[in-house]
C-alpha cells in the first residue's frame, strides 16, 4: 500500500486586503473580548516598561489602559 506524500497546495482565501479589513475584528477579539488577558496585552503594547505587568496597583498604568480604545490601538 503506497501513500501519496505530496502535499497539495492550500487554497488561501486571505490576502493583505482582507487582513486590513479584518484588523478591527482581530483587535476587538484580542483586546476587548478576551477580558482576563486584554489589560495585560494593552500594558505590554502601550506602557512597555519592566514593571508594567508586576505593578498592578499603579494608578497611572490603570488610567492609561482604561483610556486606550481600539481607535488609539490602530494608530
C-alpha atoms as a PDB file:
ATOM      1  CA  UNK A   1       0.000   0.000   0.000  1.00  0.00           C
ATOM      2  CA  UNK A   2       1.567   3.250  -1.134  1.00  0.00           C
ATOM      3  CA  UNK A   3       0.534   6.575   0.338  1.00  0.00           C
ATOM      4  CA  UNK A   4       0.749   9.816  -1.524  1.00  0.00           C
ATOM      5  CA  UNK A   5       3.128  12.038   0.445  1.00  0.00           C
ATOM      6  CA  UNK A   6       2.933  15.004  -1.856  1.00  0.00           C
ATOM      7  CA  UNK A   7       1.313  17.958  -0.200  1.00  0.00           C
ATOM      8  CA  UNK A   8      -1.490  19.556  -2.091  1.00  0.00           C
ATOM      9  CA  UNK A   9      -1.478  23.327  -2.421  1.00  0.00           C
ATOM     10  CA  UNK A  10      -3.591  25.004   0.211  1.00  0.00           C
ATOM     11  CA  UNK A  11      -6.247  27.373  -1.013  1.00  0.00           C
ATOM     12  CA  UNK A  12      -5.786  30.559   0.991  1.00  0.00           C
ATOM     13  CA  UNK A  13      -8.682  32.943   0.573  1.00  0.00           C
ATOM     14  CA  UNK A  14      -6.939  35.560   2.656  1.00  0.00           C
ATOM     15  CA  UNK A  15      -4.916  38.424   1.274  1.00  0.00           C
ATOM     16  CA  UNK A  16      -3.394  41.627   2.566  1.00  0.00           C
ATOM     17  CA  UNK A  17      -6.587  43.439   1.690  1.00  0.00           C
ATOM     18  CA  UNK A  18      -8.751  41.063   3.699  1.00  0.00           C
ATOM     19  CA  UNK A  19      -6.298  41.305   6.584  1.00  0.00           C
ATOM     20  CA  UNK A  20      -6.727  45.073   6.583  1.00  0.00           C
ATOM     21  CA  UNK A  21     -10.498  44.632   6.648  1.00  0.00           C
ATOM     22  CA  UNK A  22     -10.257  42.106   9.475  1.00  0.00           C
ATOM     23  CA  UNK A  23      -7.856  44.179  11.567  1.00  0.00           C
ATOM     24  CA  UNK A  24     -10.645  45.702  13.635  1.00  0.00           C
ATOM     25  CA  UNK A  25     -12.114  42.247  14.318  1.00  0.00           C
ATOM     26  CA  UNK A  26      -8.707  40.921  15.333  1.00  0.00           C
ATOM     27  CA  UNK A  27      -8.065  43.854  17.659  1.00  0.00           C
ATOM     28  CA  UNK A  28     -11.546  43.625  19.167  1.00  0.00           C
ATOM     29  CA  UNK A  29     -11.162  39.917  19.894  1.00  0.00           C
ATOM     30  CA  UNK A  30      -7.708  40.351  21.387  1.00  0.00           C
ATOM     31  CA  UNK A  31      -8.232  43.498  23.405  1.00  0.00           C
ATOM     32  CA  UNK A  32     -11.938  43.603  24.234  1.00  0.00           C
ATOM     33  CA  UNK A  33     -13.428  40.124  24.221  1.00  0.00           C
ATOM     34  CA  UNK A  34     -10.545  38.346  25.982  1.00  0.00           C
ATOM     35  CA  UNK A  35     -11.054  40.241  29.238  1.00  0.00           C
ATOM     36  CA  UNK A  36      -8.643  38.446  31.574  1.00  0.00           C
ATOM     37  CA  UNK A  37      -5.774  38.946  29.139  1.00  0.00           C
ATOM     38  CA  UNK A  38      -6.729  42.130  27.319  1.00  0.00           C
ATOM     39  CA  UNK A  39      -5.443  44.505  30.010  1.00  0.00           C
ATOM     40  CA  UNK A  40      -2.111  42.684  30.147  1.00  0.00           C
ATOM     41  CA  UNK A  41      -1.757  42.819  26.373  1.00  0.00           C
ATOM     42  CA  UNK A  42      -2.542  46.532  26.407  1.00  0.00           C
ATOM     43  CA  UNK A  43       0.053  47.083  29.136  1.00  0.00           C
ATOM     44  CA  UNK A  44       2.703  45.330  27.077  1.00  0.00           C
ATOM     45  CA  UNK A  45       1.882  47.333  23.957  1.00  0.00           C
ATOM     46  CA  UNK A  46       1.157  50.742  25.444  1.00  0.00           C
ATOM     47  CA  UNK A  47       3.233  51.057  28.596  1.00  0.00           C
ATOM     48  CA  UNK A  48       6.061  48.592  27.878  1.00  0.00           C
ATOM     49  CA  UNK A  49       8.203  49.068  30.981  1.00  0.00           C
ATOM     50  CA  UNK A  50       9.931  46.496  33.169  1.00  0.00           C
ATOM     51  CA  UNK A  51       7.272  46.619  35.853  1.00  0.00           C
ATOM     52  CA  UNK A  52       4.154  47.030  33.694  1.00  0.00           C
ATOM     53  CA  UNK A  53       2.890  43.508  34.433  1.00  0.00           C
ATOM     54  CA  UNK A  54       4.084  43.290  38.028  1.00  0.00           C
ATOM     55  CA  UNK A  55       2.876  46.672  39.250  1.00  0.00           C
ATOM     56  CA  UNK A  56      -0.910  46.186  39.245  1.00  0.00           C
ATOM     57  CA  UNK A  57      -1.660  48.982  41.743  1.00  0.00           C
ATOM     58  CA  UNK A  58      -0.167  51.859  39.755  1.00  0.00           C
ATOM     59  CA  UNK A  59      -2.949  54.346  39.013  1.00  0.00           C
ATOM     60  CA  UNK A  60      -1.094  55.863  36.050  1.00  0.00           C
ATOM     61  CA  UNK A  61      -0.953  52.460  34.354  1.00  0.00           C
ATOM     62  CA  UNK A  62      -4.605  51.762  35.116  1.00  0.00           C
ATOM     63  CA  UNK A  63      -5.728  55.109  33.681  1.00  0.00           C
ATOM     64  CA  UNK A  64      -3.604  54.684  30.558  1.00  0.00           C
ATOM     65  CA  UNK A  65      -5.108  51.239  29.903  1.00  0.00           C
ATOM     66  CA  UNK A  66      -8.651  52.389  30.662  1.00  0.00           C
ATOM     67  CA  UNK A  67      -8.352  55.341  28.265  1.00  0.00           C
ATOM     68  CA  UNK A  68      -6.907  53.235  25.428  1.00  0.00           C
ATOM     69  CA  UNK A  69      -9.540  52.492  22.776  1.00  0.00           C
ATOM     70  CA  UNK A  70      -9.474  50.405  19.614  1.00  0.00           C
ATOM     71  CA  UNK A  71      -9.027  53.530  17.510  1.00  0.00           C
ATOM     72  CA  UNK A  72      -5.955  54.503  19.542  1.00  0.00           C
ATOM     73  CA  UNK A  73      -4.531  50.992  19.274  1.00  0.00           C
ATOM     74  CA  UNK A  74      -4.787  51.110  15.482  1.00  0.00           C
ATOM     75  CA  UNK A  75      -2.581  54.222  15.390  1.00  0.00           C
END
